[in-house]
Amino acid sequence: MKGFSIEVNGQAFHVEQGLHENLYEVSNDGKKFLIGKRENGEWEVMLQDSEQTEISAAEIGSAIDAI
């Protein structure tokens, strides 16, 4: 899967598929992090290299699921 863009609460995010299914690299305004979907269906931030965004993993994950 190639990268794609999502918008959550008026903020644009670039998303790329990670090494595993349900793992994504997300970037926004210089902030980068990995977001993953657990077996129970909940989304969580797995790793981040900068300050966390104010938007929750669940909100970003819902936008990814909608693609």
PDB file of N, CA and C in Angstrom:
ATOM      1  N   MET A   1       0.848  -1.180   0.000  1.00  0.00           N
ATOM      2  CA  MET A   1       0.000   0.000   0.000  1.00  0.00           C
ATOM      3  C   MET A   1       0.888   1.237   0.000  1.00  0.00           C
ATOM      4  N   LYS A   2       0.577   2.164  -0.871  1.00  0.00           N
ATOM      5  CA  LYS A   2       1.297   3.424  -0.891  1.00  0.00           C
ATOM      6  C   LYS A   2       0.749   4.324   0.199  1.00  0.00           C
ATOM      7  N   GLY A   3       1.466   5.381   0.473  1.00  0.00           N
ATOM      8  CA  GLY A   3       1.015   6.321   1.472  1.00  0.00           C
ATOM      9  C   GLY A   3      -0.276   7.014   1.065  1.00  0.00           C
ATOM     10  N   PHE A   4      -0.986   7.501   2.056  1.00  0.00           N
ATOM     11  CA  PHE A   4      -2.222   8.217   1.804  1.00  0.00           C
ATOM     12  C   PHE A   4      -2.391   9.287   2.874  1.00  0.00           C
ATOM     13  N   SER A   5      -3.302  10.175   2.647  1.00  0.00           N
ATOM     14  CA  SER A   5      -3.551  11.266   3.583  1.00  0.00           C
ATOM     15  C   SER A   5      -4.921  11.111   4.223  1.00  0.00           C
ATOM     16  N   ILE A   6      -5.003  11.518   5.482  1.00  0.00           N
ATOM     17  CA  ILE A   6      -6.277  11.563   6.189  1.00  0.00           C
ATOM     18  C   ILE A   6      -6.379  12.921   6.862  1.00  0.00           C
ATOM     19  N   GLU A   7      -7.595  13.300   7.198  1.00  0.00           N
ATOM     20  CA  GLU A   7      -7.797  14.533   7.947  1.00  0.00           C
ATOM     21  C   GLU A   7      -8.619  14.203   9.182  1.00  0.00           C
ATOM     22  N   VAL A   8      -8.132  14.653  10.333  1.00  0.00           N
ATOM     23  CA  VAL A   8      -8.806  14.422  11.604  1.00  0.00           C
ATOM     24  C   VAL A   8      -8.856  15.744  12.354  1.00  0.00           C
ATOM     25  N   ASN A   9     -10.045  16.167  12.715  1.00  0.00           N
ATOM     26  CA  ASN A   9     -10.227  17.435  13.446  1.00  0.00           C
ATOM     27  C   ASN A   9      -9.518  18.601  12.765  1.00  0.00           C
ATOM     28  N   GLY A  10      -9.582  18.635  11.437  1.00  0.00           N
ATOM     29  CA  GLY A  10      -8.994  19.731  10.684  1.00  0.00           C
ATOM     30  C   GLY A  10      -7.496  19.658  10.482  1.00  0.00           C
ATOM     31  N   GLN A  11      -6.857  18.583  10.957  1.00  0.00           N
ATOM     32  CA  GLN A  11      -5.416  18.417  10.777  1.00  0.00           C
ATOM     33  C   GLN A  11      -5.151  17.326   9.746  1.00  0.00           C
ATOM     34  N   ALA A  12      -4.198  17.586   8.859  1.00  0.00           N
ATOM     35  CA  ALA A  12      -3.830  16.617   7.824  1.00  0.00           C
ATOM     36  C   ALA A  12      -2.710  15.724   8.327  1.00  0.00           C
ATOM     37  N   PHE A  13      -2.836  14.436   8.061  1.00  0.00           N
ATOM     38  CA  PHE A  13      -1.833  13.444   8.434  1.00  0.00           C
ATOM     39  C   PHE A  13      -1.462  12.643   7.201  1.00  0.00           C
ATOM     40  N   HIS A  14      -0.170  12.337   7.069  1.00  0.00           N
ATOM     41  CA  HIS A  14       0.293  11.431   6.017  1.00  0.00           C
ATOM     42  C   HIS A  14       0.480  10.070   6.677  1.00  0.00           C
ATOM     43  N   VAL A  15      -0.040   9.031   6.040  1.00  0.00           N
ATOM     44  CA  VAL A  15      -0.018   7.681   6.610  1.00  0.00           C
ATOM     45  C   VAL A  15       0.634   6.727   5.628  1.00  0.00           C
ATOM     46  N   GLU A  16       1.523   5.873   6.139  1.00  0.00           N
ATOM     47  CA  GLU A  16       2.125   4.818   5.322  1.00  0.00           C
ATOM     48  C   GLU A  16       2.031   3.505   6.066  1.00  0.00           C
ATOM     49  N   GLN A  17       1.791   2.441   5.317  1.00  0.00           N
ATOM     50  CA  GLN A  17       1.712   1.104   5.898  1.00  0.00           C
ATOM     51  C   GLN A  17       3.042   0.761   6.545  1.00  0.00           C
ATOM     52  N   GLY A  18       3.012   0.199   7.739  1.00  0.00           N
ATOM     53  CA  GLY A  18       4.222  -0.227   8.433  1.00  0.00           C
ATOM     54  C   GLY A  18       4.642  -1.616   7.976  1.00  0.00           C
ATOM     55  N   LEU A  19       5.547  -2.212   8.728  1.00  0.00           N
ATOM     56  CA  LEU A  19       6.067  -3.528   8.368  1.00  0.00           C
ATOM     57  C   LEU A  19       5.057  -4.649   8.569  1.00  0.00           C
ATOM     58  N   HIS A  20       4.069  -4.422   9.417  1.00  0.00           N
ATOM     59  CA  HIS A  20       3.080  -5.448   9.722  1.00  0.00           C
ATOM     60  C   HIS A  20       1.672  -4.928   9.441  1.00  0.00           C
ATOM     61  N   GLU A  21       0.747  -5.855   9.258  1.00  0.00           N
ATOM     62  CA  GLU A  21      -0.652  -5.483   9.081  1.00  0.00           C
ATOM     63  C   GLU A  21      -1.125  -4.728  10.320  1.00  0.00           C
ATOM     64  N   ASN A  22      -1.929  -3.725  10.112  1.00  0.00           N
ATOM     65  CA  ASN A  22      -2.479  -2.883  11.182  1.00  0.00           C
ATOM     66  C   ASN A  22      -1.432  -2.070  11.938  1.00  0.00           C
ATOM     67  N   LEU A  23      -0.301  -1.805  11.299  1.00  0.00           N
ATOM     68  CA  LEU A  23       0.736  -0.937  11.854  1.00  0.00           C
ATOM     69  C   LEU A  23       1.025   0.138  10.818  1.00  0.00           C
ATOM     70  N   TYR A  24       0.974   1.403  11.233  1.00  0.00           N
ATOM     71  CA  TYR A  24       1.112   2.516  10.297  1.00  0.00           C
ATOM     72  C   TYR A  24       2.067   3.561  10.848  1.00  0.00           C
ATOM     73  N   GLU A  25       2.839   4.149   9.938  1.00  0.00           N
ATOM     74  CA  GLU A  25       3.674   5.298  10.271  1.00  0.00           C
ATOM     75  C   GLU A  25       2.872   6.544   9.920  1.00  0.00           C
ATOM     76  N   VAL A  26       2.699   7.411  10.894  1.00  0.00           N
ATOM     77  CA  VAL A  26       1.866   8.598  10.719  1.00  0.00           C
ATOM     78  C   VAL A  26       2.727   9.834  10.950  1.00  0.00           C
ATOM     79  N   SER A  27       2.578  10.833  10.099  1.00  0.00           N
ATOM     80  CA  SER A  27       3.312  12.084  10.293  1.00  0.00           C
ATOM     81  C   SER A  27       2.366  13.267  10.124  1.00  0.00           C
ATOM     82  N   ASN A  28       2.674  14.302  10.891  1.00  0.00           N
ATOM     83  CA  ASN A  28       1.856  15.513  10.876  1.00  0.00           C
ATOM     84  C   ASN A  28       2.711  16.663  11.364  1.00  0.00           C
ATOM     85  N   ASP A  29       2.953  17.627  10.498  1.00  0.00           N
ATOM     86  CA  ASP A  29       3.634  18.853  10.904  1.00  0.00           C
ATOM     87  C   ASP A  29       4.956  18.573  11.626  1.00  0.00           C
ATOM     88  N   GLY A  30       5.742  17.642  11.100  1.00  0.00           N
ATOM     89  CA  GLY A  30       7.035  17.310  11.691  1.00  0.00           C
ATOM     90  C   GLY A  30       6.977  16.287  12.802  1.00  0.00           C
ATOM     91  N   LYS A  31       5.797  15.905  13.232  1.00  0.00           N
ATOM     92  CA  LYS A  31       5.636  14.882  14.265  1.00  0.00           C
ATOM     93  C   LYS A  31       5.467  13.533  13.577  1.00  0.00           C
ATOM     94  N   LYS A  32       6.209  12.530  14.042  1.00  0.00           N
ATOM     95  CA  LYS A  32       6.107  11.189  13.471  1.00  0.00           C
ATOM     96  C   LYS A  32       5.883  10.187  14.587  1.00  0.00           C
ATOM     97  N   PHE A  33       5.034   9.213  14.296  1.00  0.00           N
ATOM     98  CA  PHE A  33       4.807   8.151  15.270  1.00  0.00           C
ATOM     99  C   PHE A  33       4.245   6.926  14.576  1.00  0.00           C
ATOM    100  N   LEU A  34       4.315   5.796  15.261  1.00  0.00           N
ATOM    101  CA  LEU A  34       3.707   4.572  14.778  1.00  0.00           C
ATOM    102  C   LEU A  34       2.406   4.368  15.526  1.00  0.00           C
ATOM    103  N   ILE A  35       1.396   3.965  14.807  1.00  0.00           N
ATOM    104  CA  ILE A  35       0.107   3.671  15.409  1.00  0.00           C
ATOM    105  C   ILE A  35      -0.263   2.254  14.996  1.00  0.00           C
ATOM    106  N   GLY A  36      -0.783   1.499  15.945  1.00  0.00           N
ATOM    107  CA  GLY A  36      -1.135   0.118  15.664  1.00  0.00           C
ATOM    108  C   GLY A  36      -2.502  -0.236  16.203  1.00  0.00           C
ATOM    109  N   LYS A  37      -3.094  -1.230  15.569  1.00  0.00           N
ATOM    110  CA  LYS A  37      -4.405  -1.714  15.992  1.00  0.00           C
ATOM    111  C   LYS A  37      -4.199  -3.046  16.701  1.00  0.00           C
ATOM    112  N   ARG A  38      -4.625  -3.100  17.962  1.00  0.00           N
ATOM    113  CA  ARG A  38      -4.487  -4.317  18.759  1.00  0.00           C
ATOM    114  C   ARG A  38      -5.493  -5.366  18.304  1.00  0.00           C
ATOM    115  N   GLU A  39      -5.301  -6.585  18.762  1.00  0.00           N
ATOM    116  CA  GLU A  39      -6.208  -7.676  18.407  1.00  0.00           C
ATOM    117  C   GLU A  39      -7.642  -7.400  18.849  1.00  0.00           C
ATOM    118  N   ASN A  40      -7.803  -6.628  19.920  1.00  0.00           N
ATOM    119  CA  ASN A  40      -9.145  -6.318  20.417  1.00  0.00           C
ATOM    120  C   ASN A  40      -9.788  -5.157  19.652  1.00  0.00           C
ATOM    121  N   GLY A  41      -9.086  -4.622  18.644  1.00  0.00           N
ATOM    122  CA  GLY A  41      -9.629  -3.568  17.799  1.00  0.00           C
ATOM    123  C   GLY A  41      -9.312  -2.154  18.252  1.00  0.00           C
ATOM    124  N   GLU A  42      -8.660  -2.013  19.401  1.00  0.00           N
ATOM    125  CA  GLU A  42      -8.301  -0.680  19.892  1.00  0.00           C
ATOM    126  C   GLU A  42      -7.007  -0.209  19.234  1.00  0.00           C
ATOM    127  N   TRP A  43      -6.961   1.092  18.944  1.00  0.00           N
ATOM    128  CA  TRP A  43      -5.777   1.706  18.359  1.00  0.00           C
ATOM    129  C   TRP A  43      -4.912   2.297  19.467  1.00  0.00           C
ATOM    130  N   GLU A  44      -3.580   2.230  19.288  1.00  0.00           N
ATOM    131  CA  GLU A  44      -2.673   2.833  20.259  1.00  0.00           C
ATOM    132  C   GLU A  44      -1.417   3.345  19.570  1.00  0.00           C
ATOM    133  N   VAL A  45      -0.837   4.374  20.161  1.00  0.00           N
ATOM    134  CA  VAL A  45       0.451   4.881  19.683  1.00  0.00           C
ATOM    135  C   VAL A  45       1.513   3.927  20.192  1.00  0.00           C
ATOM    136  N   MET A  46       2.312   3.392  19.272  1.00  0.00           N
ATOM    137  CA  MET A  46       3.317   2.393  19.619  1.00  0.00           C
ATOM    138  C   MET A  46       4.685   3.032  19.892  1.00  0.00           C
ATOM    139  N   LEU A  47       5.022   4.038  19.108  1.00  0.00           N
ATOM    140  CA  LEU A  47       6.345   4.652  19.200  1.00  0.00           C
ATOM    141  C   LEU A  47       6.233   6.043  18.617  1.00  0.00           C
ATOM    142  N   GLN A  48       6.868   6.998  19.260  1.00  0.00           N
ATOM    143  CA  GLN A  48       6.853   8.356  18.721  1.00  0.00           C
ATOM    144  C   GLN A  48       8.240   8.958  18.866  1.00  0.00           C
ATOM    145  N   ASP A  49       8.600   9.824  17.918  1.00  0.00           N
ATOM    146  CA  ASP A  49       9.924  10.446  17.972  1.00  0.00           C
ATOM    147  C   ASP A  49       9.845  11.927  18.297  1.00  0.00           C
ATOM    148  N   SER A  50       8.663  12.387  18.649  1.00  0.00           N
ATOM    149  CA  SER A  50       8.491  13.795  18.990  1.00  0.00           C
ATOM    150  C   SER A  50       7.285  13.923  19.915  1.00  0.00           C
ATOM    151  N   GLU A  51       6.916  15.143  20.230  1.00  0.00           N
ATOM    152  CA  GLU A  51       5.753  15.352  21.076  1.00  0.00           C
ATOM    153  C   GLU A  51       4.524  14.705  20.458  1.00  0.00           C
ATOM    154  N   GLN A  52       3.701  14.125  21.303  1.00  0.00           N
ATOM    155  CA  GLN A  52       2.489  13.475  20.815  1.00  0.00           C
ATOM    156  C   GLN A  52       1.479  14.504  20.345  1.00  0.00           C
ATOM    157  N   THR A  53       0.759  14.167  19.319  1.00  0.00           N
ATOM    158  CA  THR A  53      -0.307  15.021  18.826  1.00  0.00           C
ATOM    159  C   THR A  53      -1.445  15.052  19.837  1.00  0.00           C
ATOM    160  N   GLU A  54      -2.258  16.083  19.771  1.00  0.00           N
ATOM    161  CA  GLU A  54      -3.391  16.217  20.686  1.00  0.00           C
ATOM    162  C   GLU A  54      -4.533  15.285  20.302  1.00  0.00           C
ATOM    163  N   ILE A  55      -4.462  14.717  19.129  1.00  0.00           N
ATOM    164  CA  ILE A  55      -5.524  13.846  18.642  1.00  0.00           C
ATOM    165  C   ILE A  55      -5.228  12.418  19.090  1.00  0.00           C
ATOM    166  N   SER A  56      -6.248  11.724  19.549  1.00  0.00           N
ATOM    167  CA  SER A  56      -6.062  10.382  20.097  1.00  0.00           C
ATOM    168  C   SER A  56      -5.792   9.345  19.012  1.00  0.00           C
ATOM    169  N   ALA A  57      -5.187   8.258  19.434  1.00  0.00           N
ATOM    170  CA  ALA A  57      -4.935   7.140  18.521  1.00  0.00           C
ATOM    171  C   ALA A  57      -6.253   6.607  17.973  1.00  0.00           C
ATOM    172  N   ALA A  58      -7.299   6.595  18.786  1.00  0.00           N
ATOM    173  CA  ALA A  58      -8.606   6.093  18.338  1.00  0.00           C
ATOM    174  C   ALA A  58      -9.166   6.950  17.203  1.00  0.00           C
ATOM    175  N   GLU A  59      -9.002   8.271  17.298  1.00  0.00           N
ATOM    176  CA  GLU A  59      -9.509   9.159  16.236  1.00  0.00           C
ATOM    177  C   GLU A  59      -8.742   8.937  14.936  1.00  0.00           C
ATOM    178  N   ILE A  60      -7.427   8.835  15.034  1.00  0.00           N
ATOM    179  CA  ILE A  60      -6.610   8.608  13.840  1.00  0.00           C
ATOM    180  C   ILE A  60      -6.916   7.229  13.269  1.00  0.00           C
ATOM    181  N   GLY A  61      -7.009   6.225  14.134  1.00  0.00           N
ATOM    182  CA  GLY A  61      -7.318   4.873  13.685  1.00  0.00           C
ATOM    183  C   GLY A  61      -8.663   4.780  12.990  1.00  0.00           C
ATOM    184  N   SER A  62      -9.662   5.473  13.486  1.00  0.00           N
ATOM    185  CA  SER A  62     -10.978   5.480  12.848  1.00  0.00           C
ATOM    186  C   SER A  62     -10.887   6.041  11.433  1.00  0.00           C
ATOM    187  N   ALA A  63     -10.087   7.084  11.256  1.00  0.00           N
ATOM    188  CA  ALA A  63      -9.903   7.665   9.918  1.00  0.00           C
ATOM    189  C   ALA A  63      -9.184   6.690   8.994  1.00  0.00           C
ATOM    190  N   ILE A  64      -8.214   5.947   9.519  1.00  0.00           N
ATOM    191  CA  ILE A  64      -7.510   4.938   8.717  1.00  0.00           C
ATOM    192  C   ILE A  64      -8.480   3.826   8.335  1.00  0.00           C
ATOM    193  N   ASP A  65      -9.286   3.364   9.285  1.00  0.00           N
ATOM    194  CA  ASP A  65     -10.272   2.310   8.992  1.00  0.00           C
ATOM    195  C   ASP A  65     -11.250   2.723   7.908  1.00  0.00           C
ATOM    196  N   ALA A  66     -11.536   4.015   7.811  1.00  0.00           N
ATOM    197  CA  ALA A  66     -12.515   4.513   6.839  1.00  0.00           C
ATOM    198  C   ALA A  66     -11.979   4.517   5.416  1.00  0.00           C
ATOM    199  N   ILE A  67     -10.672   4.355   5.256  1.00  0.00           N
ATOM    200  CA  ILE A  67     -10.058   4.368   3.919  1.00  0.00           C
ATOM    201  C   ILE A  67     -10.359   3.064   3.197  1.00  0.00           C
TER     202      ILE A  67
END
